[in-house]
Amino acid sequence: MESTRIDKWLWAARFFKTRSLATEAVNHGHVLMGQQALKPSKEVRVGDVLTVWQANISHEVVVQGISEQRGPAPVAQQLYTETPESLAQRAQAAEHRRLNPEPAHTLEHGRPTKRDRRALEKTWGDR
């Protein structure tokens, strides 16, 4: 097999859990080949360089093998290799997220309840 559809390959390489999620990602422009958006029917071949965005994290991979069947993870990882630049960029982004956490993630209980709001208003009224 020389080529296959990009959505089938992304599903087989375990970038997405279902083929419909892979198709949706391609349609939304989260998968690029040479900085160009693709259609789900685009054929992918060995040697193609793809940029796959997942949860604001970019993976730049080189296609090493073609498969239309989803297999075990070790087999799926042999279908591609990630570029060293991409690995370094992801490591740098992870370190940045570790050192600069999102302030909203530090909230323990989320938004105050009506009861909490009333308790706060009581303390404000005592001024």
N, C-alpha and C. Protein backbone atom coordinates (compact mmCIF):
# COMPACT_ATOMS: atom_id res chain seq x y z
N MET A 1 0.85 -1.17 0.00
CA MET A 1 0.00 0.00 0.00
C MET A 1 0.90 1.24 0.00
N GLU A 2 0.71 2.11 -0.97
CA GLU A 2 1.55 3.30 -1.10
C GLU A 2 0.96 4.52 -0.41
N SER A 3 -0.37 4.61 -0.37
CA SER A 3 -0.99 5.80 0.22
C SER A 3 -2.34 5.43 0.81
N THR A 4 -2.84 6.32 1.66
CA THR A 4 -4.16 6.16 2.26
C THR A 4 -4.70 7.54 2.60
N ARG A 5 -5.97 7.59 2.90
CA ARG A 5 -6.59 8.87 3.28
C ARG A 5 -5.99 9.37 4.59
N ILE A 6 -5.88 10.69 4.70
CA ILE A 6 -5.27 11.28 5.88
C ILE A 6 -6.08 10.98 7.14
N ASP A 7 -7.41 10.99 7.05
CA ASP A 7 -8.21 10.73 8.25
C ASP A 7 -8.05 9.29 8.72
N LYS A 8 -7.96 8.34 7.79
CA LYS A 8 -7.73 6.94 8.17
C LYS A 8 -6.36 6.77 8.80
N TRP A 9 -5.34 7.43 8.24
CA TRP A 9 -4.00 7.30 8.78
C TRP A 9 -3.90 7.90 10.18
N LEU A 10 -4.50 9.08 10.39
CA LEU A 10 -4.47 9.69 11.72
C LEU A 10 -5.15 8.80 12.76
N TRP A 11 -6.23 8.16 12.37
CA TRP A 11 -6.93 7.24 13.27
C TRP A 11 -6.07 6.01 13.54
N ALA A 12 -5.46 5.44 12.49
CA ALA A 12 -4.63 4.25 12.65
C ALA A 12 -3.38 4.55 13.46
N ALA A 13 -2.84 5.77 13.35
CA ALA A 13 -1.64 6.16 14.10
C ALA A 13 -1.98 6.62 15.51
N ARG A 14 -3.26 6.54 15.87
CA ARG A 14 -3.75 6.83 17.22
C ARG A 14 -3.57 8.29 17.64
N PHE A 15 -3.65 9.20 16.69
CA PHE A 15 -3.70 10.61 17.05
C PHE A 15 -5.10 10.97 17.53
N PHE A 16 -6.12 10.27 17.00
CA PHE A 16 -7.51 10.51 17.37
C PHE A 16 -8.18 9.19 17.69
N LYS A 17 -9.13 9.23 18.61
CA LYS A 17 -9.78 8.02 19.08
C LYS A 17 -10.72 7.41 18.04
N THR A 18 -11.39 8.25 17.29
CA THR A 18 -12.29 7.75 16.26
C THR A 18 -11.94 8.40 14.92
N ARG A 19 -12.38 7.76 13.86
CA ARG A 19 -12.10 8.31 12.54
C ARG A 19 -12.90 9.59 12.31
N SER A 20 -14.08 9.66 12.88
CA SER A 20 -14.87 10.88 12.71
C SER A 20 -14.21 12.07 13.42
N LEU A 21 -13.54 11.84 14.55
CA LEU A 21 -12.79 12.92 15.20
C LEU A 21 -11.60 13.35 14.34
N ALA A 22 -10.96 12.40 13.69
CA ALA A 22 -9.86 12.72 12.79
C ALA A 22 -10.36 13.54 11.60
N THR A 23 -11.50 13.15 11.04
CA THR A 23 -12.08 13.89 9.92
C THR A 23 -12.44 15.30 10.33
N GLU A 24 -13.02 15.44 11.51
CA GLU A 24 -13.39 16.76 12.02
C GLU A 24 -12.16 17.64 12.23
N ALA A 25 -11.09 17.08 12.76
CA ALA A 25 -9.85 17.85 12.97
C ALA A 25 -9.28 18.31 11.64
N VAL A 26 -9.30 17.46 10.64
CA VAL A 26 -8.79 17.84 9.31
C VAL A 26 -9.65 18.94 8.72
N ASN A 27 -10.97 18.82 8.86
CA ASN A 27 -11.88 19.84 8.33
C ASN A 27 -11.69 21.19 9.01
N HIS A 28 -11.34 21.18 10.28
CA HIS A 28 -11.16 22.44 11.02
C HIS A 28 -9.77 23.03 10.86
N GLY A 29 -8.91 22.38 10.10
CA GLY A 29 -7.58 22.93 9.84
C GLY A 29 -6.57 22.61 10.91
N HIS A 30 -6.81 21.58 11.73
CA HIS A 30 -5.88 21.21 12.79
C HIS A 30 -4.79 20.25 12.29
N VAL A 31 -4.86 19.87 11.04
CA VAL A 31 -3.85 19.01 10.42
C VAL A 31 -3.36 19.74 9.17
N LEU A 32 -2.05 19.96 9.10
CA LEU A 32 -1.46 20.68 7.98
C LEU A 32 -0.39 19.83 7.32
N MET A 33 -0.25 19.99 6.02
CA MET A 33 0.84 19.36 5.29
C MET A 33 1.56 20.48 4.57
N GLY A 34 2.76 20.78 5.02
CA GLY A 34 3.51 21.86 4.40
C GLY A 34 2.82 23.21 4.58
N GLN A 35 2.28 23.47 5.75
CA GLN A 35 1.60 24.73 6.08
C GLN A 35 0.33 24.95 5.28
N GLN A 36 -0.22 23.90 4.68
CA GLN A 36 -1.48 24.01 3.93
C GLN A 36 -2.53 23.12 4.57
N ALA A 37 -3.72 23.67 4.71
CA ALA A 37 -4.84 22.89 5.24
C ALA A 37 -5.22 21.80 4.23
N LEU A 38 -5.76 20.72 4.75
CA LEU A 38 -6.09 19.56 3.92
C LEU A 38 -7.56 19.25 3.97
N LYS A 39 -7.97 18.34 3.10
CA LYS A 39 -9.30 17.75 3.17
C LYS A 39 -9.12 16.31 3.65
N PRO A 40 -10.15 15.72 4.26
CA PRO A 40 -10.01 14.36 4.78
C PRO A 40 -9.66 13.32 3.73
N SER A 41 -9.97 13.59 2.48
CA SER A 41 -9.69 12.62 1.42
C SER A 41 -8.27 12.72 0.87
N LYS A 42 -7.48 13.66 1.35
CA LYS A 42 -6.09 13.83 0.88
C LYS A 42 -5.30 12.57 1.15
N GLU A 43 -4.57 12.13 0.16
CA GLU A 43 -3.75 10.93 0.30
C GLU A 43 -2.44 11.27 1.00
N VAL A 44 -2.05 10.44 1.95
CA VAL A 44 -0.79 10.62 2.66
C VAL A 44 0.15 9.48 2.24
N ARG A 45 1.42 9.83 2.03
CA ARG A 45 2.42 8.87 1.59
C ARG A 45 3.60 8.87 2.55
N VAL A 46 4.41 7.84 2.48
CA VAL A 46 5.62 7.76 3.31
C VAL A 46 6.52 8.94 2.95
N GLY A 47 7.02 9.62 3.98
CA GLY A 47 7.90 10.77 3.77
C GLY A 47 7.20 12.11 3.90
N ASP A 48 5.87 12.12 3.91
CA ASP A 48 5.13 13.38 4.08
C ASP A 48 5.34 13.92 5.49
N VAL A 49 5.43 15.24 5.60
CA VAL A 49 5.57 15.89 6.90
C VAL A 49 4.23 16.53 7.26
N LEU A 50 3.68 16.13 8.40
CA LEU A 50 2.39 16.62 8.85
C LEU A 50 2.55 17.39 10.14
N THR A 51 1.75 18.42 10.31
CA THR A 51 1.65 19.13 11.57
C THR A 51 0.25 18.89 12.11
N VAL A 52 0.18 18.25 13.28
CA VAL A 52 -1.09 17.89 13.89
C VAL A 52 -1.23 18.67 15.19
N TRP A 53 -2.32 19.44 15.30
CA TRP A 53 -2.60 20.21 16.51
C TRP A 53 -3.62 19.46 17.35
N GLN A 54 -3.27 19.22 18.62
CA GLN A 54 -4.17 18.59 19.58
C GLN A 54 -4.11 19.39 20.87
N ALA A 55 -5.24 19.93 21.28
CA ALA A 55 -5.33 20.69 22.53
C ALA A 55 -4.25 21.77 22.61
N ASN A 56 -4.11 22.56 21.56
CA ASN A 56 -3.14 23.66 21.47
C ASN A 56 -1.70 23.20 21.56
N ILE A 57 -1.45 21.93 21.28
CA ILE A 57 -0.09 21.39 21.26
C ILE A 57 0.16 20.87 19.85
N SER A 58 1.25 21.30 19.27
CA SER A 58 1.55 20.91 17.90
C SER A 58 2.53 19.75 17.87
N HIS A 59 2.25 18.79 16.99
CA HIS A 59 3.14 17.65 16.75
C HIS A 59 3.52 17.70 15.28
N GLU A 60 4.81 17.80 15.00
CA GLU A 60 5.26 17.74 13.61
C GLU A 60 5.87 16.36 13.40
N VAL A 61 5.24 15.59 12.53
CA VAL A 61 5.64 14.19 12.35
C VAL A 61 5.95 13.91 10.88
N VAL A 62 6.82 12.93 10.68
CA VAL A 62 7.16 12.44 9.35
C VAL A 62 6.55 11.05 9.23
N VAL A 63 5.78 10.84 8.19
CA VAL A 63 5.11 9.56 7.98
C VAL A 63 6.16 8.51 7.62
N GLN A 64 6.20 7.42 8.40
CA GLN A 64 7.16 6.33 8.17
C GLN A 64 6.50 5.08 7.61
N GLY A 65 5.19 4.96 7.82
CA GLY A 65 4.49 3.78 7.35
C GLY A 65 3.03 4.11 7.08
N ILE A 66 2.38 3.25 6.31
CA ILE A 66 0.98 3.45 5.94
C ILE A 66 0.17 2.30 6.50
N SER A 67 -0.96 2.62 7.11
CA SER A 67 -1.87 1.59 7.60
C SER A 67 -3.28 2.15 7.60
N GLU A 68 -4.24 1.30 7.27
CA GLU A 68 -5.64 1.68 7.33
C GLU A 68 -6.34 1.00 8.48
N GLN A 69 -5.60 0.15 9.21
CA GLN A 69 -6.17 -0.55 10.34
C GLN A 69 -5.57 -0.03 11.63
N ARG A 70 -6.41 0.14 12.62
CA ARG A 70 -5.95 0.60 13.92
C ARG A 70 -5.46 -0.61 14.71
N GLY A 71 -4.21 -0.56 15.11
CA GLY A 71 -3.63 -1.68 15.85
C GLY A 71 -3.18 -1.23 17.22
N PRO A 72 -2.36 -2.04 17.87
CA PRO A 72 -1.86 -1.68 19.20
C PRO A 72 -0.95 -0.44 19.14
N ALA A 73 -0.81 0.22 20.27
CA ALA A 73 -0.04 1.47 20.33
C ALA A 73 1.40 1.31 19.86
N PRO A 74 2.12 0.25 20.25
CA PRO A 74 3.50 0.13 19.76
C PRO A 74 3.59 0.06 18.23
N VAL A 75 2.62 -0.57 17.60
CA VAL A 75 2.60 -0.65 16.14
C VAL A 75 2.26 0.72 15.55
N ALA A 76 1.32 1.42 16.17
CA ALA A 76 0.92 2.74 15.68
C ALA A 76 2.07 3.74 15.78
N GLN A 77 2.90 3.62 16.81
CA GLN A 77 4.02 4.55 16.96
C GLN A 77 5.10 4.33 15.91
N GLN A 78 5.10 3.18 15.25
CA GLN A 78 6.06 2.93 14.18
C GLN A 78 5.63 3.54 12.86
N LEU A 79 4.40 4.07 12.80
CA LEU A 79 3.90 4.68 11.57
C LEU A 79 4.45 6.09 11.36
N TYR A 80 5.04 6.69 12.39
CA TYR A 80 5.54 8.06 12.27
C TYR A 80 6.72 8.27 13.21
N THR A 81 7.49 9.33 12.93
CA THR A 81 8.52 9.80 13.85
C THR A 81 8.31 11.29 14.01
N GLU A 82 8.45 11.75 15.22
CA GLU A 82 8.30 13.18 15.50
C GLU A 82 9.64 13.86 15.30
N THR A 83 9.61 15.04 14.70
CA THR A 83 10.85 15.76 14.41
C THR A 83 11.49 16.24 15.71
N PRO A 84 12.82 16.35 15.76
CA PRO A 84 13.49 16.84 16.98
C PRO A 84 13.05 18.25 17.36
N GLU A 85 12.78 19.10 16.36
CA GLU A 85 12.32 20.46 16.66
C GLU A 85 10.98 20.43 17.37
N SER A 86 10.11 19.55 16.93
CA SER A 86 8.78 19.42 17.53
C SER A 86 8.89 18.92 18.97
N LEU A 87 9.76 17.93 19.19
CA LEU A 87 9.96 17.41 20.55
C LEU A 87 10.48 18.50 21.49
N ALA A 88 11.45 19.28 21.00
CA ALA A 88 12.01 20.36 21.81
C ALA A 88 10.97 21.43 22.09
N GLN A 89 10.17 21.75 21.09
CA GLN A 89 9.13 22.78 21.27
C GLN A 89 8.08 22.31 22.27
N ARG A 90 7.67 21.03 22.20
CA ARG A 90 6.69 20.52 23.15
C ARG A 90 7.25 20.48 24.57
N ALA A 91 8.53 20.13 24.72
CA ALA A 91 9.16 20.12 26.04
C ALA A 91 9.23 21.53 26.61
N GLN A 92 9.56 22.49 25.77
CA GLN A 92 9.63 23.88 26.21
C GLN A 92 8.24 24.39 26.61
N ALA A 93 7.21 24.04 25.85
CA ALA A 93 5.85 24.45 26.19
C ALA A 93 5.39 23.81 27.49
N ALA A 94 5.75 22.55 27.71
CA ALA A 94 5.38 21.88 28.97
C ALA A 94 6.07 22.54 30.16
N GLU A 95 7.33 22.90 30.00
CA GLU A 95 8.05 23.59 31.07
C GLU A 95 7.43 24.95 31.34
N HIS A 96 7.04 25.65 30.29
CA HIS A 96 6.40 26.96 30.45
C HIS A 96 5.08 26.83 31.20
N ARG A 97 4.28 25.79 30.84
CA ARG A 97 3.02 25.57 31.55
C ARG A 97 3.24 25.20 33.00
N ARG A 98 4.34 24.48 33.28
CA ARG A 98 4.63 24.08 34.65
C ARG A 98 5.03 25.29 35.49
N LEU A 99 5.82 26.18 34.91
CA LEU A 99 6.30 27.34 35.66
C LEU A 99 5.27 28.46 35.73
N ASN A 100 4.39 28.57 34.76
CA ASN A 100 3.38 29.63 34.71
C ASN A 100 1.99 29.01 34.61
N PRO A 101 1.47 28.49 35.72
CA PRO A 101 0.16 27.83 35.63
C PRO A 101 -0.95 28.84 35.38
N GLU A 102 -2.01 28.36 34.78
CA GLU A 102 -3.19 29.18 34.54
C GLU A 102 -3.83 29.54 35.88
N PRO A 103 -4.10 30.82 36.15
CA PRO A 103 -4.67 31.20 37.45
C PRO A 103 -6.01 30.53 37.75
N ALA A 104 -6.80 30.28 36.73
CA ALA A 104 -8.11 29.67 36.96
C ALA A 104 -7.97 28.24 37.46
N HIS A 105 -6.86 27.58 37.16
CA HIS A 105 -6.68 26.19 37.59
C HIS A 105 -6.36 26.09 39.08
N THR A 106 -6.01 27.22 39.71
CA THR A 106 -5.68 27.18 41.13
C THR A 106 -6.93 27.26 42.00
N LEU A 107 -8.09 27.59 41.43
CA LEU A 107 -9.32 27.62 42.21
C LEU A 107 -9.69 26.20 42.61
N GLU A 108 -9.93 26.01 43.89
CA GLU A 108 -10.21 24.67 44.36
C GLU A 108 -11.66 24.26 44.14
N HIS A 109 -12.56 25.15 44.43
CA HIS A 109 -13.97 24.76 44.41
C HIS A 109 -14.75 25.43 43.30
N GLY A 110 -14.12 26.20 42.47
CA GLY A 110 -14.82 26.84 41.38
C GLY A 110 -15.57 28.08 41.83
N ARG A 111 -16.67 28.33 41.18
CA ARG A 111 -17.46 29.52 41.43
C ARG A 111 -18.16 29.43 42.78
N PRO A 112 -18.29 30.56 43.50
CA PRO A 112 -18.99 30.51 44.79
C PRO A 112 -20.47 30.16 44.61
N THR A 113 -21.01 29.44 45.56
CA THR A 113 -22.42 29.11 45.53
C THR A 113 -23.23 30.29 46.04
N LYS A 114 -24.54 30.19 45.96
CA LYS A 114 -25.40 31.25 46.46
C LYS A 114 -25.17 31.44 47.97
N ARG A 115 -24.98 30.33 48.67
CA ARG A 115 -24.74 30.39 50.11
C ARG A 115 -23.43 31.11 50.41
N ASP A 116 -22.37 30.79 49.63
CA ASP A 116 -21.08 31.46 49.80
C ASP A 116 -21.19 32.95 49.52
N ARG A 117 -21.95 33.30 48.47
CA ARG A 117 -22.11 34.71 48.11
C ARG A 117 -22.81 35.47 49.23
N ARG A 118 -23.84 34.89 49.79
CA ARG A 118 -24.56 35.54 50.89
C ARG A 118 -23.66 35.72 52.10
N ALA A 119 -22.82 34.74 52.38
CA ALA A 119 -21.88 34.86 53.50
C ALA A 119 -20.90 35.98 53.24
N LEU A 120 -20.44 36.11 52.01
CA LEU A 120 -19.54 37.21 51.67
C LEU A 120 -20.23 38.56 51.81
N GLU A 121 -21.47 38.65 51.36
CA GLU A 121 -22.20 39.91 51.46
C GLU A 121 -22.44 40.30 52.91
N LYS A 122 -22.63 39.31 53.77
CA LYS A 122 -22.81 39.61 55.20
C LYS A 122 -21.57 40.27 55.76
N THR A 123 -20.40 39.76 55.41
CA THR A 123 -19.16 40.35 55.93
C THR A 123 -18.94 41.72 55.34
N TRP A 124 -19.38 41.98 54.12
CA TRP A 124 -19.22 43.29 53.52
C TRP A 124 -20.15 44.31 54.18
N GLY A 125 -21.31 43.85 54.63
CA GLY A 125 -22.27 44.75 55.25
C GLY A 125 -21.86 45.21 56.64
N ASP A 126 -20.87 44.55 57.25
CA ASP A 126 -20.43 44.88 58.60
C ASP A 126 -19.47 46.06 58.64
N ARG A 127 -19.14 46.63 57.54
CA ARG A 127 -18.16 47.71 57.51
C ARG A 127 -18.70 48.91 58.10
